[in-house]
């Protein structure tokens, strides 16, 4: 394993990458950093942990829902929680509810 020091939203992390997997890890770090910075820069969410959760949800949704990835990328979950992202309205509703819970000021998910 090779260790790489990376920056995500201005904070340093020391990550382990398998030999030959350094570029994949750096690509993943760039995606996460970009997603988190986009949410932070939108100004609606300030807490780093909430930003990380929203970025993870956005990235997971884009990965799991490839047919609608272009829609998700154009209108991130954090910016538009009520938007229907495809034929599965239950998934869209759940994502909207998660987003609203993360945006509340009381810090409670449930």
Protein backbone atom coordinates (compact mmCIF):
# COMPACT_ATOMS: atom_id res chain seq x y z
CA UNK A 1 0.00 0.00 0.00
CA UNK A 2 1.13 3.49 -0.81
CA UNK A 3 0.11 6.47 1.31
CA UNK A 4 -1.02 9.68 -0.34
CA UNK A 5 -1.68 13.01 1.32
CA UNK A 6 -4.69 14.71 -0.25
CA UNK A 7 -6.78 17.81 0.36
CA UNK A 8 -10.56 17.72 0.55
CA UNK A 9 -12.27 21.05 1.15
CA UNK A 10 -8.98 22.45 2.43
CA UNK A 11 -8.37 19.72 5.00
CA UNK A 12 -5.50 17.23 4.68
CA UNK A 13 -6.09 13.48 4.74
CA UNK A 14 -3.54 10.67 4.59
CA UNK A 15 -5.04 7.85 2.52
CA UNK A 16 -3.77 4.39 1.62
CA UNK A 17 -3.90 3.33 -2.01
CA UNK A 18 -3.02 -0.06 -3.45
CA UNK A 19 -0.01 -0.14 -5.74
CA UNK A 20 -1.18 0.96 -9.16
CA UNK A 21 -4.40 2.45 -7.75
CA UNK A 22 -3.06 5.88 -6.95
CA UNK A 23 -4.66 7.59 -9.94
CA UNK A 24 -8.07 6.05 -9.23
CA UNK A 25 -7.85 7.29 -5.65
CA UNK A 26 -6.83 10.78 -6.78
CA UNK A 27 -9.74 10.84 -9.23
CA UNK A 28 -12.13 9.84 -6.44
CA UNK A 29 -10.67 12.52 -4.15
CA UNK A 30 -11.20 15.12 -6.89
CA UNK A 31 -14.84 14.08 -7.32
CA UNK A 32 -15.49 14.24 -3.58
CA UNK A 33 -13.71 17.58 -3.20
CA UNK A 34 -15.62 19.07 -6.14
CA UNK A 35 -18.96 17.80 -4.83
CA UNK A 36 -18.32 19.08 -1.31
CA UNK A 37 -17.04 22.47 -2.47
CA UNK A 38 -20.08 22.90 -4.74
CA UNK A 39 -22.43 22.31 -1.80
CA UNK A 40 -20.39 24.55 0.52
CA UNK A 41 -20.24 27.33 -2.07
CA UNK A 42 -24.02 27.22 -2.54
CA UNK A 43 -24.12 28.69 0.98
CA UNK A 44 -27.06 26.71 2.33
CA UNK A 45 -25.08 24.18 4.34
CA UNK A 46 -22.15 25.11 6.58
CA UNK A 47 -21.39 22.02 8.70
CA UNK A 48 -18.64 19.86 7.19
CA UNK A 49 -20.38 16.60 8.20
CA UNK A 50 -23.64 17.63 6.54
CA UNK A 51 -21.77 18.70 3.42
CA UNK A 52 -20.02 15.31 3.37
CA UNK A 53 -23.31 13.41 3.70
CA UNK A 54 -24.97 15.42 0.93
CA UNK A 55 -21.95 14.96 -1.34
CA UNK A 56 -21.95 11.22 -0.63
CA UNK A 57 -25.67 11.00 -1.43
CA UNK A 58 -25.20 12.96 -4.66
CA UNK A 59 -22.27 10.79 -5.76
CA UNK A 60 -24.00 7.54 -4.79
CA UNK A 61 -27.18 8.59 -6.57
CA UNK A 62 -25.26 9.50 -9.72
CA UNK A 63 -23.45 6.16 -9.60
CA UNK A 64 -26.55 4.04 -8.92
CA UNK A 65 -28.85 5.87 -11.31
CA UNK A 66 -26.76 6.15 -14.45
CA UNK A 67 -29.75 6.70 -16.82
CA UNK A 68 -30.65 9.87 -14.92
CA UNK A 69 -27.11 10.91 -13.93
CA UNK A 70 -27.20 13.92 -16.24
CA UNK A 71 -30.31 15.23 -14.48
CA UNK A 72 -28.76 14.64 -11.04
CA UNK A 73 -25.52 16.35 -12.06
CA UNK A 74 -27.35 19.34 -13.51
CA UNK A 75 -29.47 19.81 -10.38
CA UNK A 76 -27.71 18.40 -7.29
CA UNK A 77 -29.85 17.03 -4.49
CA UNK A 78 -28.77 19.81 -2.14
CA UNK A 79 -30.04 22.46 -4.54
CA UNK A 80 -33.35 20.85 -5.47
CA UNK A 81 -34.65 18.22 -3.01
CA UNK A 82 -38.17 17.99 -4.39
CA UNK A 83 -37.16 17.33 -8.00
CA UNK A 84 -38.25 13.98 -9.43
CA UNK A 85 -35.12 12.17 -10.69
CA UNK A 86 -36.81 9.50 -12.74
CA UNK A 87 -39.52 6.87 -12.72
CA UNK A 88 -38.90 5.82 -9.11
CA UNK A 89 -40.83 8.50 -7.23
CA UNK A 90 -40.24 6.72 -3.90
CA UNK A 91 -36.47 7.13 -4.31
CA UNK A 92 -36.91 10.78 -5.20
CA UNK A 93 -39.13 11.29 -2.17
CA UNK A 94 -36.64 9.58 0.13
CA UNK A 95 -33.76 11.68 -1.19
CA UNK A 96 -35.83 14.83 -0.67
CA UNK A 97 -36.66 13.82 2.90
CA UNK A 98 -33.01 13.06 3.67
CA UNK A 99 -31.97 16.39 2.23
CA UNK A 100 -34.57 18.29 4.23
CA UNK A 101 -33.51 16.49 7.42
CA UNK A 102 -29.89 17.45 6.79
CA UNK A 103 -30.83 21.07 6.13
CA UNK A 104 -32.78 21.50 9.38
CA UNK A 105 -31.12 23.54 12.06
CA UNK A 106 -31.73 21.09 14.92
CA UNK A 107 -29.13 18.58 13.68
CA UNK A 108 -31.50 15.64 14.03
CA UNK A 109 -32.03 13.17 11.20
CA UNK A 110 -34.99 11.39 12.81
